[in-house]
Amino acid sequence: MKKLYKYILHSFIGTFIFTFFVAVFILLMQFLWCYLDDLVGKGLGFDVLGKLMFYTSITFVPMALPLAILLSSLMCFGNLGEYYELVAMKASGISVWRIMRPLLFFSIIMSFTAFIFSNNVLPVATLKSKTLLRDVRKQKMSFDIPEGMFYKGIDKYTIRAGKKGADGNTLYDVLIYDHTEYKGNIKVTTADSATIALAPNQKEIVFTLYNGSNYIEVVDDKEYKSKRPFETMAFEKQFVSFDISDFSMTESDESSMKGHQSMLNINQLVVAIDSLEASSAERHSSFKNSFKNRLQHFSSKDVTNANNQSKGKKAELDTITVFKWPLLENFGQKEQESIVNMAITATKNQIDNIDLNIRDFERQETNIRKHQQVLHEKFSLSIACLLFFFIGAPLGAIIRKGGLGLPIVISVIFFVIYYIITITSQRIAIAGDIPIFIGVWLSSIIILPIGIFLTVKATTDSSILDGESWKKTFNKIFKKK
């Protein structure tokens, strides 16, 4: 039996490692394709790209691990069934449960590993990946002046080169617009040729211009628009430097993103959720008390003012035609309109204040739900690994097809269904329409009975996915009709 278990584990683990890295690679290619515009043309070194791809690949492990277990278990048992090895084992008195036992233990170990990874490694990798990606996206495009086009990569300057030399550092027919004074194209420098060199401090690039002139329009004159005075100065050689410190990537402080829910472990999430709930409860209580006090102060103050103003006034009942409130009967028409307008303005202010606080409360509740979602996902990843094993292993034993054809199709179908349900339910839960627990665990709840059903059918030698059995069943039905 030990030799049999070793054989099954040997055939499974190799396939698992292969499918895991293939899944991570596919997800990484999707990431690079989405952020291709932010990465290309910025002169990023292999060290920066390597770190970005490494940290990003780690963040894809929660998605790639269940898919790898599903596909590898499906391929492993499919190969055993296709080459009649599974039939030989059953003929020897070994049940499917006993054949699945070593892979079940392996899946349990991977589930614990996934939990530890999700709690300890994933937050750090996510922090590194998000911080590095933000720095890369903020970095400017690399300094590269195109031929025959206006280049605006340097702040406050526009440069055009009619032609570039073969070495890439020589320019011909150079035109430079200086916009440092924000007065338009009043300063222009032209040159027949120029060479480009990096300054020793690595923060400036120096243009050495040859055989050109500087053109400056004089705009301080009162009659500038009619006379158009200007100054020109010819030169044989001139140096112009440009600051390119913005083109070098600067690393941001990671502490600014450490508070995000995806960068926290379970203990930190529990503390954060308790703090957010306490803050939200305190905010609700404070708003309720302040609103109650504001209404009491407003009503008592206005009633006192109204009574004081009504004393000594003669009622003008013949001019009052719109308002019939007893409090307003002692005022004239203009005073009534003023009081009503003041009440309407105060009511609108109260409504705006209530709407603003409602939106603030909703943001707080959404933030709490996002933290709760990440907390539940720490556990759902481990459960997903087990669930996909109980789908892949019995399904492979039933269909008896190995290789990369049918198993990949079936695995992708199951995983896409699982992923769509997960994303949809989590978004609905974050919106507050369903509890967070249901939103995170709904996909697992749906997949669980499917795994139980397939496992039962595999252990009872069911031919649920056998084409011949379905053909015989349909023939019997049509013959009866």
Protein backbone atom coordinates (compact mmCIF):
# COMPACT_ATOMS: atom_id res chain seq x y z
CA MET A 1 0.00 0.00 0.00
CA LYS A 2 2.88 2.39 0.72
CA LYS A 3 4.26 1.87 -2.78
CA LEU A 4 0.83 2.62 -4.21
CA TYR A 5 0.56 5.82 -2.18
CA LYS A 6 4.04 6.88 -3.27
CA TYR A 7 3.12 6.25 -6.90
CA ILE A 8 -0.08 8.31 -6.62
CA LEU A 9 1.68 11.15 -4.80
CA HIS A 10 4.53 11.13 -7.32
CA SER A 11 2.14 11.41 -10.26
CA PHE A 12 0.08 14.10 -8.48
CA ILE A 13 2.77 16.39 -7.06
CA GLY A 14 4.59 16.82 -10.37
CA THR A 15 1.34 17.76 -12.10
CA PHE A 16 0.42 20.07 -9.21
CA ILE A 17 3.69 22.01 -9.37
CA PHE A 18 3.41 22.33 -13.15
CA THR A 19 -0.21 23.53 -13.12
CA PHE A 20 0.45 25.91 -10.21
CA PHE A 21 3.25 27.76 -11.98
CA VAL A 22 1.29 27.78 -15.24
CA ALA A 23 -1.68 29.38 -13.46
CA VAL A 24 0.56 31.99 -11.80
CA PHE A 25 2.23 32.73 -15.13
CA ILE A 26 -1.12 33.23 -16.89
CA LEU A 27 -2.35 35.56 -14.15
CA LEU A 28 0.94 37.47 -14.27
CA MET A 29 0.67 37.91 -18.04
CA GLN A 30 -2.85 39.27 -17.55
CA PHE A 31 -1.50 41.76 -15.00
CA LEU A 32 1.29 42.90 -17.33
CA TRP A 33 -1.18 43.31 -20.16
CA CYS A 34 -3.46 45.49 -17.99
CA TYR A 35 -0.60 47.75 -16.88
CA LEU A 36 1.40 47.65 -20.10
CA ASP A 37 0.98 51.39 -20.74
CA ASP A 38 2.29 52.19 -17.25
CA LEU A 39 5.42 50.05 -17.66
CA VAL A 40 6.58 50.62 -21.23
CA GLY A 41 8.82 53.54 -22.12
CA LYS A 42 9.93 54.47 -18.60
CA GLY A 43 13.40 52.97 -18.68
CA LEU A 44 12.71 50.58 -15.82
CA GLY A 45 15.62 48.33 -14.94
CA PHE A 46 15.45 44.57 -14.61
CA ASP A 47 15.72 44.91 -10.84
CA VAL A 48 12.54 47.02 -10.64
CA LEU A 49 10.62 44.86 -13.09
CA GLY A 50 11.86 41.71 -11.37
CA LYS A 51 10.71 42.88 -7.93
CA LEU A 52 7.36 44.01 -9.31
CA MET A 53 6.74 40.67 -11.05
CA PHE A 54 7.93 38.70 -8.01
CA TYR A 55 5.69 40.48 -5.49
CA THR A 56 2.75 40.48 -7.89
CA SER A 57 3.15 36.75 -8.52
CA ILE A 58 2.94 36.12 -4.78
CA THR A 59 -0.36 38.01 -4.61
CA PHE A 60 -1.79 35.63 -7.26
CA VAL A 61 -1.17 32.53 -5.14
CA PRO A 62 -4.65 32.61 -3.49
CA MET A 63 -6.22 32.42 -6.93
CA ALA A 64 -3.76 29.98 -8.50
CA LEU A 65 -3.59 27.45 -5.65
CA PRO A 66 -7.22 26.18 -5.77
CA LEU A 67 -7.09 26.08 -9.56
CA ALA A 68 -3.86 24.03 -9.45
CA ILE A 69 -5.36 21.53 -6.99
CA LEU A 70 -8.49 21.19 -9.12
CA LEU A 71 -6.60 20.70 -12.38
CA SER A 72 -3.87 18.43 -10.99
CA SER A 73 -6.30 16.12 -9.15
CA LEU A 74 -8.50 15.95 -12.24
CA MET A 75 -5.51 15.11 -14.48
CA CYS A 76 -4.07 12.60 -12.00
CA PHE A 77 -7.25 10.54 -11.59
CA GLY A 78 -8.08 11.01 -15.25
CA ASN A 79 -4.75 9.46 -16.22
CA LEU A 80 -5.29 6.59 -13.75
CA GLY A 81 -8.70 5.93 -15.27
CA GLU A 82 -7.61 6.34 -18.88
CA TYR A 83 -4.82 3.75 -18.58
CA TYR A 84 -7.00 1.34 -16.54
CA GLU A 85 -4.78 1.70 -13.48
CA LEU A 86 -7.81 2.77 -11.46
CA VAL A 87 -9.69 -0.32 -12.62
CA ALA A 88 -6.78 -2.54 -11.58
CA MET A 89 -6.72 -0.96 -8.14
CA LYS A 90 -10.46 -1.49 -7.71
CA ALA A 91 -10.12 -5.09 -8.88
CA SER A 92 -7.51 -5.61 -6.17
CA GLY A 93 -10.05 -4.61 -3.54
CA ILE A 94 -8.86 -1.01 -3.05
CA SER A 95 -11.71 1.49 -2.85
CA VAL A 96 -11.66 4.95 -4.36
CA TRP A 97 -11.60 6.43 -0.88
CA ARG A 98 -8.35 4.63 -0.06
CA ILE A 99 -6.89 5.71 -3.41
CA MET A 100 -7.82 9.33 -2.63
CA ARG A 101 -6.44 9.17 0.91
CA PRO A 102 -2.82 10.29 0.25
CA LEU A 103 -4.00 13.15 -1.97
CA LEU A 104 -6.56 14.12 0.66
CA PHE A 105 -3.80 14.41 3.27
CA PHE A 106 -1.75 16.44 0.80
CA SER A 107 -4.72 18.76 0.17
CA ILE A 108 -5.22 19.23 3.92
CA ILE A 109 -1.55 20.16 4.28
CA MET A 110 -1.90 22.61 1.38
CA SER A 111 -5.00 24.08 3.05
CA PHE A 112 -3.05 24.82 6.24
CA THR A 113 -0.18 26.15 4.15
CA ALA A 114 -2.59 28.38 2.26
CA PHE A 115 -4.00 29.72 5.53
CA ILE A 116 -0.54 30.51 6.93
CA PHE A 117 0.46 32.06 3.62
CA SER A 118 -2.68 34.18 3.43
CA ASN A 119 -2.24 35.43 6.98
CA ASN A 120 1.51 36.11 7.07
CA VAL A 121 2.99 36.34 3.57
CA LEU A 122 0.17 37.76 1.46
CA PRO A 123 -0.22 41.08 3.38
CA VAL A 124 3.51 41.84 3.07
CA ALA A 125 3.61 40.90 -0.63
CA THR A 126 0.51 42.97 -1.33
CA LEU A 127 2.04 45.98 0.41
CA LYS A 128 5.28 45.66 -1.55
CA SER A 129 3.47 45.11 -4.84
CA LYS A 130 1.01 48.00 -4.47
CA THR A 131 3.70 50.43 -3.31
CA LEU A 132 6.07 49.53 -6.14
CA LEU A 133 3.29 49.67 -8.72
CA ARG A 134 2.27 53.12 -7.49
CA ASP A 135 5.85 54.35 -7.80
CA VAL A 136 6.14 52.95 -11.31
CA ARG A 137 2.87 54.54 -12.42
CA LYS A 138 3.94 57.92 -11.00
CA GLN A 139 7.28 57.85 -12.80
CA LYS A 140 7.59 59.85 -16.00
CA MET A 141 8.41 58.41 -19.38
CA SER A 142 12.11 57.98 -20.08
CA PHE A 143 13.94 60.88 -21.73
CA ASP A 144 13.76 60.13 -25.45
CA ILE A 145 13.25 62.92 -27.98
CA PRO A 146 11.49 61.58 -31.09
CA GLU A 147 12.63 62.64 -34.52
CA GLY A 148 10.57 65.39 -36.18
CA MET A 149 8.09 65.68 -33.30
CA PHE A 150 7.58 68.09 -30.40
CA TYR A 151 8.71 66.57 -27.10
CA LYS A 152 7.02 67.85 -23.92
CA GLY A 153 8.41 65.43 -21.37
CA ILE A 154 10.44 68.11 -19.58
CA ASP A 155 8.37 70.55 -17.55
CA LYS A 156 8.18 74.12 -18.93
CA TYR A 157 10.07 73.22 -22.12
CA THR A 158 9.15 71.97 -25.58
CA ILE A 159 11.89 70.49 -27.78
CA ARG A 160 11.87 69.47 -31.42
CA ALA A 161 14.70 67.81 -33.34
CA GLY A 162 14.44 67.59 -37.10
CA LYS A 163 16.77 64.61 -37.27
CA LYS A 164 18.68 62.33 -34.90
CA GLY A 165 22.16 60.97 -35.38
CA ALA A 166 23.01 57.30 -35.51
CA ASP A 167 24.53 57.42 -32.02
CA GLY A 168 21.26 58.69 -30.53
CA ASN A 169 23.01 61.55 -28.71
CA THR A 170 23.34 63.95 -31.66
CA LEU A 171 20.44 66.10 -32.82
CA TYR A 172 20.09 68.28 -35.92
CA ASP A 173 17.84 71.26 -36.63
CA VAL A 174 17.05 71.80 -32.94
CA LEU A 175 14.24 74.04 -31.72
CA ILE A 176 13.68 74.74 -27.97
CA TYR A 177 10.70 76.67 -26.54
CA ASP A 178 11.19 78.07 -23.03
CA HIS A 179 7.91 78.37 -21.08
CA THR A 180 9.40 79.01 -17.64
CA GLU A 181 7.76 82.46 -17.42
CA TYR A 182 4.32 81.20 -18.46
CA LYS A 183 3.96 83.93 -21.12
CA GLY A 184 3.75 81.77 -24.22
CA ASN A 185 6.43 81.25 -26.87
CA ILE A 186 8.41 84.41 -26.12
CA LYS A 187 11.74 82.60 -25.69
CA VAL A 188 12.94 80.38 -28.52
CA THR A 189 16.37 78.85 -29.11
CA THR A 190 17.41 77.39 -32.46
CA ALA A 191 20.58 75.50 -33.36
CA ASP A 192 21.95 73.65 -36.34
CA SER A 193 23.05 70.72 -34.17
CA ALA A 194 23.32 69.64 -30.56
CA THR A 195 24.81 66.86 -28.46
CA ILE A 196 23.25 65.37 -25.33
CA ALA A 197 25.20 64.34 -22.22
CA LEU A 198 24.23 63.40 -18.68
CA ALA A 199 25.58 65.66 -15.93
CA PRO A 200 27.84 64.17 -13.23
CA ASN A 201 25.11 64.54 -10.60
CA GLN A 202 22.85 62.23 -12.67
CA LYS A 203 19.96 64.70 -12.18
CA GLU A 204 20.48 67.01 -15.16
CA ILE A 205 20.93 66.52 -18.87
CA VAL A 206 23.10 69.02 -20.75
CA PHE A 207 22.48 70.13 -24.33
CA THR A 208 25.53 71.51 -26.13
CA LEU A 209 24.11 73.67 -28.94
CA TYR A 210 26.14 74.69 -32.01
CA ASN A 211 25.60 77.56 -34.48
CA GLY A 212 22.29 78.92 -33.35
CA SER A 213 20.49 81.95 -31.96
CA ASN A 214 18.25 82.98 -29.09
CA TYR A 215 15.02 84.81 -29.86
CA ILE A 216 13.30 86.76 -27.04
CA GLU A 217 10.16 88.87 -27.42
CA VAL A 218 10.05 91.99 -25.21
CA VAL A 219 6.63 92.02 -23.61
CA ASP A 220 7.28 94.67 -20.93
CA ASP A 221 6.70 97.53 -23.36
CA LYS A 222 3.25 99.15 -23.26
CA GLU A 223 3.06 99.19 -27.06
CA TYR A 224 4.18 95.59 -27.32
CA LYS A 225 1.16 94.36 -29.25
CA SER A 226 1.56 96.96 -31.98
CA LYS A 227 5.36 97.20 -32.27
CA ARG A 228 6.31 93.59 -31.44
CA PRO A 229 9.87 94.33 -30.21
CA PHE A 230 12.29 91.43 -29.83
CA GLU A 231 15.94 90.61 -29.15
CA THR A 232 18.17 88.10 -30.90
CA MET A 233 21.57 86.77 -29.96
CA ALA A 234 23.65 84.49 -32.16
CA PHE A 235 26.10 81.97 -30.74
CA GLU A 236 28.54 79.38 -31.94
CA LYS A 237 28.33 77.20 -28.85
CA GLN A 238 25.94 77.27 -25.91
CA PHE A 239 25.14 74.98 -22.97
CA VAL A 240 21.56 74.41 -21.82
CA SER A 241 20.76 72.10 -18.89
CA PHE A 242 17.43 70.50 -18.01
CA ASP A 243 16.38 68.99 -14.71
CA ILE A 244 15.50 65.30 -15.14
CA SER A 245 15.24 64.30 -11.49
CA ASP A 246 11.57 63.45 -12.07
CA PHE A 247 12.59 60.72 -14.53
CA SER A 248 14.27 58.67 -11.80
CA MET A 249 11.94 56.51 -9.77
CA THR A 250 11.65 57.37 -6.09
CA GLU A 251 10.45 54.79 -3.59
CA SER A 252 7.41 55.82 -1.56
CA ASP A 253 7.02 55.29 2.14
CA GLU A 254 5.22 51.99 2.72
CA SER A 255 3.73 53.21 6.00
CA SER A 256 1.16 55.28 4.09
CA MET A 257 -0.49 52.08 2.78
CA LYS A 258 -0.06 49.78 5.77
CA GLY A 259 -3.51 50.60 7.10
CA HIS A 260 -5.31 49.16 4.08
CA GLN A 261 -7.34 46.05 4.85
CA SER A 262 -5.52 43.89 2.29
CA MET A 263 -2.18 44.55 4.08
CA LEU A 264 -3.35 43.28 7.50
CA ASN A 265 -3.22 39.86 9.13
CA ILE A 266 -6.01 38.30 11.17
CA ASN A 267 -5.06 39.89 14.51
CA GLN A 268 -4.68 43.31 12.92
CA LEU A 269 -8.00 42.91 11.10
CA VAL A 270 -9.82 42.01 14.31
CA VAL A 271 -8.38 45.05 16.08
CA ALA A 272 -9.18 47.30 13.09
CA ILE A 273 -12.77 46.03 12.88
CA ASP A 274 -13.34 46.59 16.62
CA SER A 275 -11.92 50.11 16.36
CA LEU A 276 -14.01 50.95 13.31
CA GLU A 277 -17.19 49.62 14.90
CA ALA A 278 -16.54 51.56 18.11
CA SER A 279 -15.81 54.71 16.13
CA SER A 280 -18.95 54.25 14.05
CA ALA A 281 -21.13 53.73 17.16
CA GLU A 282 -19.63 56.82 18.78
CA ARG A 283 -20.19 58.80 15.59
CA HIS A 284 -23.85 57.73 15.44
CA SER A 285 -24.41 58.64 19.09
CA SER A 286 -22.70 62.01 18.70
CA PHE A 287 -24.75 62.90 15.63
CA LYS A 288 -28.00 61.83 17.29
CA ASN A 289 -27.34 63.96 20.38
CA SER A 290 -26.16 66.98 18.41
CA PHE A 291 -29.15 66.77 16.09
CA LYS A 292 -31.55 66.57 19.03
CA ASN A 293 -29.90 69.53 20.78
CA ARG A 294 -29.88 71.53 17.56
CA LEU A 295 -33.62 71.02 17.07
CA GLN A 296 -34.40 71.95 20.65
CA HIS A 297 -32.23 75.06 20.47
CA PHE A 298 -33.70 76.07 17.13
CA SER A 299 -37.34 75.65 18.16
CA SER A 300 -37.04 77.37 21.56
CA LYS A 301 -35.03 80.27 20.15
CA ASP A 302 -37.41 80.91 17.29
CA VAL A 303 -40.51 80.70 19.46
CA THR A 304 -38.99 83.21 21.93
CA ASN A 305 -38.04 85.62 19.15
CA ALA A 306 -41.45 85.30 17.53
CA ASN A 307 -43.26 86.06 20.79
CA ASN A 308 -41.04 89.07 21.52
CA GLN A 309 -41.60 90.51 18.07
CA SER A 310 -45.35 89.95 18.22
CA LYS A 311 -45.76 92.04 21.38
CA GLY A 312 -47.05 95.54 20.71
CA LYS A 313 -47.89 94.75 17.07
CA LYS A 314 -51.32 95.09 15.71
CA ALA A 315 -52.55 92.08 13.78
CA GLU A 316 -53.06 92.72 10.12
CA LEU A 317 -55.56 89.95 9.54
CA ASP A 318 -57.04 91.49 6.43
CA THR A 319 -53.71 91.22 4.55
CA ILE A 320 -52.94 87.64 5.60
CA THR A 321 -54.25 85.31 2.93
CA VAL A 322 -51.70 82.49 2.67
CA PHE A 323 -50.51 81.46 6.15
CA LYS A 324 -53.07 80.36 8.74
CA TRP A 325 -50.66 79.17 11.49
CA PRO A 326 -51.59 80.57 14.93
CA LEU A 327 -47.98 81.63 15.60
CA LEU A 328 -47.92 83.80 12.47
CA GLU A 329 -51.23 85.56 12.93
CA ASN A 330 -49.61 88.41 14.89
CA PHE A 331 -47.24 89.29 11.99
CA GLY A 332 -47.72 91.10 8.78
CA GLN A 333 -47.37 89.59 5.33
CA LYS A 334 -43.67 90.49 4.92
CA GLU A 335 -42.78 89.26 8.39
CA GLN A 336 -44.58 85.99 7.70
CA GLU A 337 -42.71 85.51 4.44
CA SER A 338 -39.41 86.25 6.15
CA ILE A 339 -40.13 83.75 8.92
CA VAL A 340 -41.21 81.05 6.47
CA ASN A 341 -38.16 81.62 4.26
CA MET A 342 -35.92 81.39 7.29
CA ALA A 343 -37.61 78.14 8.29
CA ILE A 344 -37.23 76.73 4.76
CA THR A 345 -33.53 77.66 4.70
CA ALA A 346 -32.96 76.10 8.10
CA THR A 347 -34.80 72.95 7.00
CA LYS A 348 -32.71 72.67 3.83
CA ASN A 349 -29.55 73.07 5.87
CA GLN A 350 -30.70 70.33 8.19
CA ILE A 351 -31.51 68.06 5.23
CA ASP A 352 -28.06 68.70 3.69
CA ASN A 353 -26.46 67.99 7.05
CA ILE A 354 -28.41 64.75 7.39
CA ASP A 355 -27.49 63.65 3.83
CA LEU A 356 -23.83 64.42 4.47
CA ASN A 357 -23.82 62.40 7.68
CA ILE A 358 -25.70 59.53 6.02
CA ARG A 359 -23.04 59.32 3.31
CA ASP A 360 -20.36 59.41 5.99
CA PHE A 361 -22.08 56.60 7.89
CA GLU A 362 -22.36 54.56 4.70
CA ARG A 363 -18.63 55.01 4.02
CA GLN A 364 -17.83 53.83 7.52
CA GLU A 365 -20.08 50.78 7.17
CA THR A 366 -18.57 49.97 3.77
CA ASN A 367 -15.08 50.20 5.24
CA ILE A 368 -16.06 47.83 8.04
CA ARG A 369 -17.55 45.36 5.55
CA LYS A 370 -14.37 45.46 3.46
CA HIS A 371 -12.30 44.57 6.52
CA GLN A 372 -14.71 41.75 7.37
CA GLN A 373 -14.50 40.48 3.79
CA VAL A 374 -10.69 40.24 3.92
CA LEU A 375 -10.93 38.50 7.31
CA HIS A 376 -13.28 35.81 5.94
CA GLU A 377 -11.14 35.39 2.83
CA LYS A 378 -8.23 34.25 5.01
CA PHE A 379 -10.28 31.13 5.81
CA SER A 380 -12.18 30.70 2.55
CA LEU A 381 -8.92 30.18 0.64
CA SER A 382 -8.11 27.09 2.71
CA ILE A 383 -11.60 25.67 2.35
CA ALA A 384 -11.55 26.27 -1.42
CA CYS A 385 -8.44 24.08 -1.77
CA LEU A 386 -10.26 21.15 -0.12
CA LEU A 387 -13.48 21.72 -2.05
CA PHE A 388 -11.72 21.76 -5.40
CA PHE A 389 -9.92 18.53 -4.52
CA PHE A 390 -13.26 16.83 -3.82
CA ILE A 391 -14.43 18.02 -7.23
CA GLY A 392 -11.31 17.26 -9.27
CA ALA A 393 -10.41 13.81 -7.90
CA PRO A 394 -13.84 12.12 -8.24
CA LEU A 395 -14.52 13.90 -11.52
CA GLY A 396 -11.25 12.56 -12.96
CA ALA A 397 -12.17 9.07 -11.79
CA ILE A 398 -15.55 9.37 -13.48
CA ILE A 399 -14.59 10.83 -16.87
CA ARG A 400 -11.38 8.71 -17.13
CA LYS A 401 -9.62 11.25 -19.35
CA GLY A 402 -6.13 12.58 -18.61
CA GLY A 403 -3.79 14.94 -20.41
CA LEU A 404 -4.32 18.65 -20.94
CA GLY A 405 -7.44 18.56 -23.09
CA LEU A 406 -10.72 17.80 -21.37
CA PRO A 407 -9.39 18.27 -17.81
CA ILE A 408 -8.37 21.86 -18.57
CA VAL A 409 -11.77 22.64 -20.08
CA ILE A 410 -13.65 21.22 -17.11
CA SER A 411 -11.32 22.87 -14.60
CA VAL A 412 -11.64 26.28 -16.25
CA ILE A 413 -15.44 25.96 -16.32
CA PHE A 414 -15.65 25.13 -12.61
CA PHE A 415 -13.13 27.78 -11.64
CA VAL A 416 -14.78 30.51 -13.72
CA ILE A 417 -18.15 29.69 -12.16
CA TYR A 418 -16.57 29.78 -8.69
CA TYR A 419 -14.78 33.04 -9.41
CA ILE A 420 -17.85 34.78 -10.88
CA ILE A 421 -20.00 33.75 -7.92
CA THR A 422 -17.29 34.92 -5.50
CA ILE A 423 -16.80 38.33 -7.10
CA THR A 424 -20.52 38.98 -7.56
CA SER A 425 -21.55 37.93 -4.07
CA GLN A 426 -18.73 39.88 -2.44
CA ARG A 427 -19.68 43.05 -4.27
CA ILE A 428 -23.30 42.62 -3.21
CA ALA A 429 -22.16 42.03 0.37
CA ILE A 430 -19.92 45.10 0.41
CA ALA A 431 -22.87 47.14 -0.87
CA GLY A 432 -24.75 45.96 2.23
CA ASP A 433 -27.49 43.97 0.50
CA ILE A 434 -26.47 40.62 2.02
CA PRO A 435 -24.35 39.69 5.06
CA ILE A 436 -20.60 39.54 4.57
CA PHE A 437 -20.50 35.90 5.65
CA ILE A 438 -22.90 34.92 2.88
CA GLY A 439 -21.10 37.07 0.33
CA VAL A 440 -17.70 35.48 0.97
CA TRP A 441 -18.82 31.89 1.53
CA LEU A 442 -21.61 31.67 -1.06
CA SER A 443 -19.36 30.16 -3.74
CA SER A 444 -18.07 27.54 -1.28
CA ILE A 445 -21.63 26.76 -0.17
CA ILE A 446 -22.63 26.17 -3.80
CA ILE A 447 -19.52 24.11 -4.63
CA LEU A 448 -19.79 21.90 -1.50
CA PRO A 449 -22.86 19.85 -2.55
CA ILE A 450 -21.37 19.41 -6.03
CA GLY A 451 -18.20 17.97 -4.48
CA ILE A 452 -20.20 15.66 -2.20
CA PHE A 453 -22.34 14.49 -5.13
CA LEU A 454 -19.32 13.74 -7.36
CA THR A 455 -17.47 11.99 -4.53
CA VAL A 456 -20.45 9.74 -3.82
CA LYS A 457 -20.83 8.93 -7.52
CA ALA A 458 -17.12 8.15 -7.86
CA THR A 459 -17.04 5.84 -4.82
CA THR A 460 -20.13 3.95 -6.06
CA ASP A 461 -18.67 3.46 -9.57
CA SER A 462 -21.38 5.58 -11.14
CA SER A 463 -21.36 6.12 -14.89
CA ILE A 464 -22.90 9.56 -14.66
CA LEU A 465 -20.52 11.01 -17.24
CA ASP A 466 -20.16 7.92 -19.38
CA GLY A 467 -21.43 8.56 -22.91
CA GLU A 468 -22.52 4.98 -23.47
CA SER A 469 -24.68 4.94 -20.36
CA TRP A 470 -26.40 8.16 -21.39
CA LYS A 471 -26.95 6.73 -24.87
CA LYS A 472 -28.58 3.59 -23.46
CA THR A 473 -30.74 5.71 -21.16
CA PHE A 474 -32.05 7.85 -24.03
CA ASN A 475 -32.68 4.75 -26.17
CA LYS A 476 -34.79 3.22 -23.41
CA ILE A 477 -36.78 6.44 -23.00
CA PHE A 478 -37.52 6.79 -26.71
CA LYS A 479 -38.38 3.08 -27.08
CA LYS A 480 -40.91 3.37 -24.31
CA LYS A 481 -42.51 6.37 -26.01
